[in-house]
Amino acid sequence: MIRLPAFDYVAPRTVDDAVRNLADRGPDAMLVAGGTDLFPNMKRGQFEPKTLIGLRGIRELAGVSGDARAGLTIGAATTLSAVASHPDVARRYAALATAAGLVSSPQLRNAGTLGGNVCVDTRCNYYNQSYEWRKAVGFCMKKDGDICLVAPGSDRCWAVSSSDTAPVLWALGATARLAGPAGERTIPVSALYQDDGIVYLAKRPDEILTELALPPADGWDSVYLKLRRRGSFDFPVLGVAVAVRREGEIVREARVVLGAVASTPREAPAAATALVGQRLTSETITRAAEAAAGPAKPLDNTDFTHPYRKRLVRVYVARALGRLAGLHAGPAMEVIA
């Protein structure tokens, strides 16, 4: 049995207290809400904090407020189960409800939070292993080593973004509120990430993600599809988030965002351009799906082969758009045996 190492635990009651504690403890501290990814990584020696600052006791970080007409605000410590089952989220921001409902397993969704999934660590076959396994292969650049074992000639880490909700929030035009010693600031979710497997978040280390804000639904429809080997628990090896706003049958705005194909969620602007001003016909969907495959740069560092995952980008984008067009029916998740 792999046990958790010793650590101090601090339980602030307000965001200001949490910010202060994080600043006081410095780089030896980490934040924890549900802990569904943090604790396993601590057991494997990937994270080595001396102090954990708990966020679950801060009431202002949990809950959903607003409505679809004005927009919804979701506290970062709101559980994934609560997000998936919220009536307004399920009805007007369907892709987010789907994505939150496909994270891991029911038990972990009851503990895991939206903010935790938005900020979840990047993943790689050479990194997400026990300490002994990683030591046997000489470690990797992401932890304890100096070479990326996926691309040994590269000077950067290629670990993969593994969040289900991040591509959806990006596609929906959501914003993130951050609190730090200098005060609060709000940025687009798209600005929260950077394409680096180690430093994958653009937020400052002393900042806390406090809430996610969804703009008014205002005619937008959205779909999220996820590729993984098993029907539960597995992280995505491909996530496709599509959001479109139509006037009648004509697409006026569109966003297509891919997950698990790079160290950051990857937008496919050419695919969106192919949709704008068009009806969602089979021909339009095919053109958009082809365009979406361009930004996908999967490497051989997750489940399935990277050529297969690259090919499935076209398939899943076409399925997602077909779902919006009413051309395809079926489950919100595809399981490949």
Protein backbone atom coordinates (compact mmCIF):
# COMPACT_ATOMS: atom_id res chain seq x y z
CA MET A 1 0.00 0.00 0.00
CA ILE A 2 1.30 3.45 -0.94
CA ARG A 3 0.72 5.87 1.91
CA LEU A 4 0.38 9.63 2.00
CA PRO A 5 3.50 11.39 3.31
CA ALA A 6 3.22 13.63 6.36
CA PHE A 7 2.03 17.20 5.88
CA ASP A 8 0.54 20.11 7.78
CA TYR A 9 -3.09 21.00 7.04
CA VAL A 10 -4.51 24.52 7.23
CA ALA A 11 -8.27 25.14 7.03
CA PRO A 12 -9.02 28.79 6.26
CA ARG A 13 -12.62 30.03 6.39
CA THR A 14 -12.34 32.87 3.87
CA VAL A 15 -10.63 33.43 0.53
CA ASP A 16 -8.56 36.22 2.07
CA ASP A 17 -7.30 33.84 4.74
CA ALA A 18 -6.47 31.23 2.11
CA VAL A 19 -4.54 33.78 0.04
CA ARG A 20 -2.65 34.87 3.14
CA ASN A 21 -1.82 31.31 4.11
CA LEU A 22 -0.62 30.51 0.62
CA ALA A 23 1.64 33.57 0.60
CA ASP A 24 3.01 32.79 4.07
CA ARG A 25 3.82 29.16 3.27
CA GLY A 26 5.29 29.89 -0.15
CA PRO A 27 6.32 27.19 -2.63
CA ASP A 28 6.10 24.44 0.02
CA ALA A 29 2.29 24.80 0.11
CA MET A 30 -0.39 23.49 -2.22
CA LEU A 31 -4.15 24.03 -2.38
CA VAL A 32 -6.58 21.16 -1.94
CA ALA A 33 -10.34 20.94 -2.41
CA GLY A 34 -11.51 17.44 -3.36
CA GLY A 35 -7.97 16.04 -3.52
CA THR A 36 -8.91 13.36 -6.06
CA ASP A 37 -5.82 14.07 -8.17
CA LEU A 38 -3.59 15.69 -5.57
CA PHE A 39 -3.54 12.84 -3.06
CA PRO A 40 -2.62 10.08 -5.55
CA ASN A 41 0.16 12.31 -6.90
CA MET A 42 1.44 12.86 -3.37
CA LYS A 43 1.46 9.12 -2.75
CA ARG A 44 3.53 8.59 -5.90
CA GLY A 45 5.99 11.33 -4.99
CA GLN A 46 5.02 13.64 -7.85
CA PHE A 47 3.85 16.37 -5.47
CA GLU A 48 5.77 16.97 -2.23
CA PRO A 49 4.03 19.79 -0.34
CA LYS A 50 4.83 20.37 3.31
CA THR A 51 1.50 22.13 3.84
CA LEU A 52 -1.94 21.69 2.29
CA ILE A 53 -4.35 24.61 2.40
CA GLY A 54 -7.90 23.28 2.38
CA LEU A 55 -10.57 25.15 0.43
CA ARG A 56 -13.65 23.06 1.22
CA GLY A 57 -14.48 25.04 4.36
CA ILE A 58 -14.77 28.32 2.44
CA ARG A 59 -18.48 28.67 1.79
CA GLU A 60 -18.14 31.44 -0.78
CA LEU A 61 -16.27 29.05 -3.10
CA ALA A 62 -19.17 26.61 -3.51
CA GLY A 63 -22.48 26.87 -5.30
CA VAL A 64 -24.10 28.06 -8.51
CA SER A 65 -25.73 31.49 -8.83
CA GLY A 66 -27.39 33.48 -11.60
CA ASP A 67 -29.46 32.17 -14.47
CA ALA A 68 -29.06 31.37 -18.15
CA ARG A 69 -30.36 34.78 -19.25
CA ALA A 70 -27.78 36.74 -17.26
CA GLY A 71 -25.13 34.05 -17.04
CA LEU A 72 -24.13 31.59 -14.34
CA THR A 73 -21.37 31.87 -11.76
CA ILE A 74 -19.99 28.60 -10.39
CA GLY A 75 -17.76 28.52 -7.34
CA ALA A 76 -14.48 26.72 -7.90
CA ALA A 77 -15.15 24.37 -4.96
CA THR A 78 -18.53 23.25 -6.33
CA THR A 79 -18.44 19.49 -6.77
CA LEU A 80 -18.52 18.02 -10.24
CA SER A 81 -21.67 16.10 -9.31
CA ALA A 82 -23.40 19.36 -8.38
CA VAL A 83 -22.35 20.97 -11.66
CA ALA A 84 -23.52 18.00 -13.73
CA SER A 85 -26.92 17.85 -12.03
CA HIS A 86 -27.69 21.57 -11.83
CA PRO A 87 -30.88 22.23 -13.86
CA ASP A 88 -29.67 25.42 -15.56
CA VAL A 89 -26.31 23.92 -16.43
CA ALA A 90 -27.88 20.77 -17.83
CA ARG A 91 -30.52 22.64 -19.81
CA ARG A 92 -28.60 25.64 -21.19
CA TYR A 93 -24.92 24.69 -20.96
CA ALA A 94 -25.30 21.04 -21.84
CA ALA A 95 -21.67 20.40 -22.77
CA LEU A 96 -20.50 21.46 -19.31
CA ALA A 97 -23.00 19.19 -17.58
CA THR A 98 -21.85 16.33 -19.81
CA ALA A 99 -18.15 16.99 -19.23
CA ALA A 100 -18.54 17.28 -15.45
CA GLY A 101 -20.60 14.09 -15.45
CA LEU A 102 -17.92 12.15 -17.33
CA VAL A 103 -15.02 12.93 -15.02
CA SER A 104 -13.73 9.80 -13.30
CA SER A 105 -16.35 7.86 -11.29
CA PRO A 106 -19.50 8.87 -9.32
CA GLN A 107 -17.69 8.60 -6.00
CA LEU A 108 -14.86 10.88 -7.10
CA ARG A 109 -17.25 13.36 -8.75
CA ASN A 110 -18.92 13.72 -5.35
CA ALA A 111 -15.57 14.87 -3.92
CA GLY A 112 -13.81 16.42 -6.91
CA THR A 113 -14.50 20.06 -7.75
CA LEU A 114 -14.90 22.12 -10.88
CA GLY A 115 -11.89 24.24 -9.99
CA GLY A 116 -9.83 21.14 -9.35
CA ASN A 117 -10.67 19.73 -12.76
CA VAL A 118 -9.98 23.05 -14.46
CA CYS A 119 -6.52 23.10 -12.85
CA VAL A 120 -5.83 19.35 -12.94
CA ASP A 121 -2.24 18.31 -13.57
CA THR A 122 -1.11 17.30 -17.06
CA ARG A 123 -0.59 13.60 -17.64
CA CYS A 124 1.87 11.31 -19.40
CA ASN A 125 2.54 7.56 -19.49
CA TYR A 126 6.07 8.21 -18.23
CA TYR A 127 4.97 10.50 -15.40
CA ASN A 128 1.81 9.00 -13.91
CA GLN A 129 3.57 6.00 -12.41
CA SER A 130 4.88 5.00 -9.00
CA TYR A 131 8.13 6.46 -7.71
CA GLU A 132 9.88 3.10 -8.16
CA TRP A 133 8.69 2.78 -11.79
CA ARG A 134 9.86 6.31 -12.60
CA LYS A 135 13.20 5.73 -10.89
CA ALA A 136 13.74 2.56 -12.93
CA VAL A 137 13.47 4.48 -16.21
CA GLY A 138 15.60 7.39 -14.97
CA PHE A 139 12.71 9.78 -14.23
CA CYS A 140 11.43 12.37 -16.70
CA MET A 141 11.66 16.11 -17.15
CA LYS A 142 8.32 16.74 -15.41
CA LYS A 143 9.62 15.36 -12.08
CA ASP A 144 13.11 14.49 -10.91
CA GLY A 145 14.66 14.08 -14.38
CA ASP A 146 15.94 16.30 -17.18
CA ILE A 147 14.77 14.53 -20.36
CA CYS A 148 11.32 14.26 -21.88
CA LEU A 149 11.02 10.53 -22.46
CA VAL A 150 8.32 11.07 -25.10
CA ALA A 151 10.51 13.39 -27.16
CA PRO A 152 14.10 13.01 -25.87
CA GLY A 153 15.45 15.68 -28.20
CA SER A 154 12.99 18.30 -27.00
CA ASP A 155 13.79 21.00 -24.48
CA ARG A 156 10.22 20.99 -23.07
CA CYS A 157 7.75 18.63 -21.41
CA TRP A 158 4.94 17.27 -23.58
CA ALA A 159 2.60 15.99 -20.86
CA VAL A 160 -1.04 16.25 -21.94
CA SER A 161 -3.86 18.45 -20.68
CA SER A 162 -6.30 16.04 -19.06
CA SER A 163 -9.24 18.22 -18.01
CA ASP A 164 -12.72 17.41 -19.30
CA THR A 165 -14.26 20.73 -18.29
CA ALA A 166 -11.52 23.08 -19.53
CA PRO A 167 -12.22 22.65 -23.28
CA VAL A 168 -15.94 23.15 -22.63
CA LEU A 169 -15.50 26.29 -20.55
CA TRP A 170 -13.17 27.64 -23.24
CA ALA A 171 -15.72 26.88 -25.98
CA LEU A 172 -18.51 28.51 -23.96
CA GLY A 173 -16.52 31.73 -23.52
CA ALA A 174 -16.28 31.39 -19.74
CA THR A 175 -14.10 33.56 -17.53
CA ALA A 176 -12.09 32.68 -14.44
CA ARG A 177 -11.72 34.82 -11.33
CA LEU A 178 -8.39 34.65 -9.51
CA ALA A 179 -7.58 35.98 -6.05
CA GLY A 180 -4.06 36.76 -4.91
CA PRO A 181 -2.06 39.10 -2.68
CA ALA A 182 -2.47 41.91 -5.25
CA GLY A 183 -6.25 41.50 -5.29
CA GLU A 184 -8.67 39.89 -7.71
CA ARG A 185 -8.58 39.70 -11.48
CA THR A 186 -10.78 38.09 -14.11
CA ILE A 187 -9.41 36.48 -17.27
CA PRO A 188 -10.89 34.37 -20.08
CA VAL A 189 -10.57 30.67 -19.42
CA SER A 190 -8.60 30.54 -22.67
CA ALA A 191 -5.94 32.71 -21.00
CA LEU A 192 -5.63 30.38 -18.01
CA TYR A 193 -3.49 27.85 -19.90
CA GLN A 194 -0.14 27.74 -21.66
CA ASP A 195 1.37 25.06 -23.87
CA ASP A 196 3.89 23.54 -21.48
CA GLY A 197 3.51 20.18 -19.78
CA ILE A 198 5.10 21.41 -16.54
CA VAL A 199 4.01 25.05 -16.24
CA TYR A 200 0.62 24.48 -17.86
CA LEU A 201 -1.30 27.14 -15.93
CA ALA A 202 -0.82 30.84 -16.63
CA LYS A 203 -2.11 31.87 -13.22
CA ARG A 204 0.50 32.98 -10.71
CA PRO A 205 1.56 30.45 -8.03
CA ASP A 206 0.19 32.69 -5.27
CA GLU A 207 -3.27 32.99 -6.86
CA ILE A 208 -6.38 30.95 -6.09
CA LEU A 209 -9.05 30.16 -8.67
CA THR A 210 -12.27 31.23 -6.94
CA GLU A 211 -15.03 31.01 -9.57
CA LEU A 212 -15.93 30.31 -13.17
CA ALA A 213 -18.47 32.57 -14.90
CA LEU A 214 -20.53 31.49 -17.90
CA PRO A 215 -21.90 34.19 -20.22
CA PRO A 216 -25.62 34.33 -21.07
CA ALA A 217 -26.72 31.23 -22.96
CA ASP A 218 -28.38 33.51 -25.54
CA GLY A 219 -28.99 31.00 -28.32
CA TRP A 220 -25.83 28.93 -27.81
CA ASP A 221 -25.95 25.13 -28.01
CA SER A 222 -23.05 22.92 -27.02
CA VAL A 223 -21.87 19.32 -27.03
CA TYR A 224 -18.95 17.50 -25.42
CA LEU A 225 -17.66 14.09 -26.53
CA LYS A 226 -14.97 12.10 -24.76
CA LEU A 227 -12.76 9.25 -25.92
CA ARG A 228 -11.45 6.83 -23.30
CA ARG A 229 -11.00 3.09 -23.13
CA ARG A 230 -13.35 2.36 -20.21
CA GLY A 231 -16.84 3.66 -19.60
CA SER A 232 -15.85 5.23 -16.29
CA PHE A 233 -12.87 6.52 -14.32
CA ASP A 234 -10.43 7.03 -17.22
CA PHE A 235 -9.03 10.43 -18.12
CA PRO A 236 -9.76 11.66 -21.65
CA VAL A 237 -7.39 10.74 -24.45
CA LEU A 238 -9.47 13.03 -26.63
CA GLY A 239 -12.11 15.57 -25.68
CA VAL A 240 -14.13 17.56 -28.19
CA ALA A 241 -16.13 20.63 -27.09
CA VAL A 242 -18.28 22.35 -29.71
CA ALA A 243 -20.46 25.42 -29.15
CA VAL A 244 -22.53 27.18 -31.81
CA ARG A 245 -24.96 30.10 -31.84
CA ARG A 246 -27.55 29.97 -34.59
CA GLU A 247 -30.09 32.37 -35.98
CA GLY A 248 -32.67 30.11 -37.50
CA GLU A 249 -30.62 27.43 -39.23
CA ILE A 250 -27.57 29.61 -39.88
CA VAL A 251 -24.52 29.42 -37.62
CA ARG A 252 -23.51 32.93 -36.57
CA GLU A 253 -20.78 32.07 -34.06
CA ALA A 254 -18.91 28.87 -33.33
CA ARG A 255 -16.05 27.53 -31.22
CA VAL A 256 -14.37 24.14 -31.41
CA VAL A 257 -11.89 23.27 -28.65
CA LEU A 258 -9.96 20.01 -28.35
CA GLY A 259 -8.73 18.42 -25.14
CA ALA A 260 -6.00 15.83 -24.47
CA VAL A 261 -4.19 16.47 -27.76
CA ALA A 262 -1.59 18.92 -26.41
CA SER A 263 -0.32 20.33 -23.12
CA THR A 264 -3.14 22.89 -23.30
CA PRO A 265 -6.72 22.76 -24.58
CA ARG A 266 -6.35 23.49 -28.28
CA GLU A 267 -8.81 25.70 -30.14
CA ALA A 268 -9.56 24.92 -33.80
CA PRO A 269 -10.42 28.34 -35.29
CA ALA A 270 -10.41 27.11 -38.89
CA ALA A 271 -13.15 24.63 -37.99
CA ALA A 272 -15.23 27.41 -36.47
CA THR A 273 -14.70 29.58 -39.55
CA ALA A 274 -15.94 26.75 -41.74
CA LEU A 275 -19.21 26.76 -39.79
CA VAL A 276 -20.01 30.48 -39.60
CA GLY A 277 -22.60 31.62 -42.11
CA GLN A 278 -23.52 28.03 -42.96
CA ARG A 279 -26.23 25.53 -42.14
CA LEU A 280 -25.15 22.40 -40.30
CA THR A 281 -25.37 20.12 -43.31
CA SER A 282 -23.33 16.95 -43.81
CA GLU A 283 -21.04 18.83 -46.21
CA THR A 284 -20.42 21.71 -43.79
CA ILE A 285 -19.78 19.28 -40.93
CA THR A 286 -17.26 17.33 -43.01
CA ARG A 287 -15.32 20.48 -43.91
CA ALA A 288 -15.26 21.64 -40.29
CA ALA A 289 -14.16 18.22 -39.02
CA GLU A 290 -11.27 18.14 -41.50
CA ALA A 291 -10.20 21.63 -40.43
CA ALA A 292 -10.36 20.66 -36.74
CA ALA A 293 -7.74 17.96 -37.12
CA GLY A 294 -5.01 20.49 -37.93
CA PRO A 295 -4.37 21.85 -34.40
CA ALA A 296 -4.34 18.35 -32.87
CA LYS A 297 -0.75 17.26 -32.22
CA PRO A 298 -1.05 14.11 -30.08
CA LEU A 299 2.11 12.25 -29.12
CA ASP A 300 2.64 8.70 -27.91
CA ASN A 301 2.15 9.52 -24.23
CA THR A 302 -1.42 8.44 -23.39
CA ASP A 303 -3.69 5.50 -24.10
CA PHE A 304 -4.19 4.43 -27.75
CA THR A 305 -1.74 5.30 -30.52
CA HIS A 306 -1.27 8.91 -31.50
CA PRO A 307 -2.19 8.36 -35.20
CA TYR A 308 -5.46 6.82 -34.03
CA ARG A 309 -6.19 9.74 -31.71
CA LYS A 310 -5.38 12.19 -34.51
CA ARG A 311 -7.80 10.40 -36.83
CA LEU A 312 -10.51 10.33 -34.17
CA VAL A 313 -10.44 14.13 -33.94
CA ARG A 314 -12.21 14.28 -37.31
CA VAL A 315 -14.65 11.58 -36.28
CA TYR A 316 -15.54 13.13 -32.94
CA VAL A 317 -15.89 16.68 -34.24
CA ALA A 318 -18.21 15.37 -36.94
CA ARG A 319 -20.23 13.44 -34.35
CA ALA A 320 -20.49 16.46 -32.07
CA LEU A 321 -21.67 18.72 -34.88
CA GLY A 322 -24.02 16.04 -36.08
CA ARG A 323 -25.48 15.88 -32.59
CA LEU A 324 -26.14 19.63 -32.72
CA ALA A 325 -27.66 19.31 -36.18
CA GLY A 326 -29.89 16.44 -35.11
CA LEU A 327 -28.19 14.15 -37.63
CA HIS A 328 -26.84 11.63 -35.13
CA ALA A 329 -28.14 10.11 -31.95
CA GLY A 330 -26.33 8.13 -29.33
CA PRO A 331 -24.56 8.36 -25.99
CA ALA A 332 -22.56 11.42 -25.03
CA MET A 333 -19.46 9.30 -24.62
CA GLU A 334 -17.89 6.80 -26.99
CA VAL A 335 -16.08 3.82 -25.46
CA ILE A 336 -13.52 2.04 -27.61
CA ALA A 337 -12.73 -1.53 -26.58
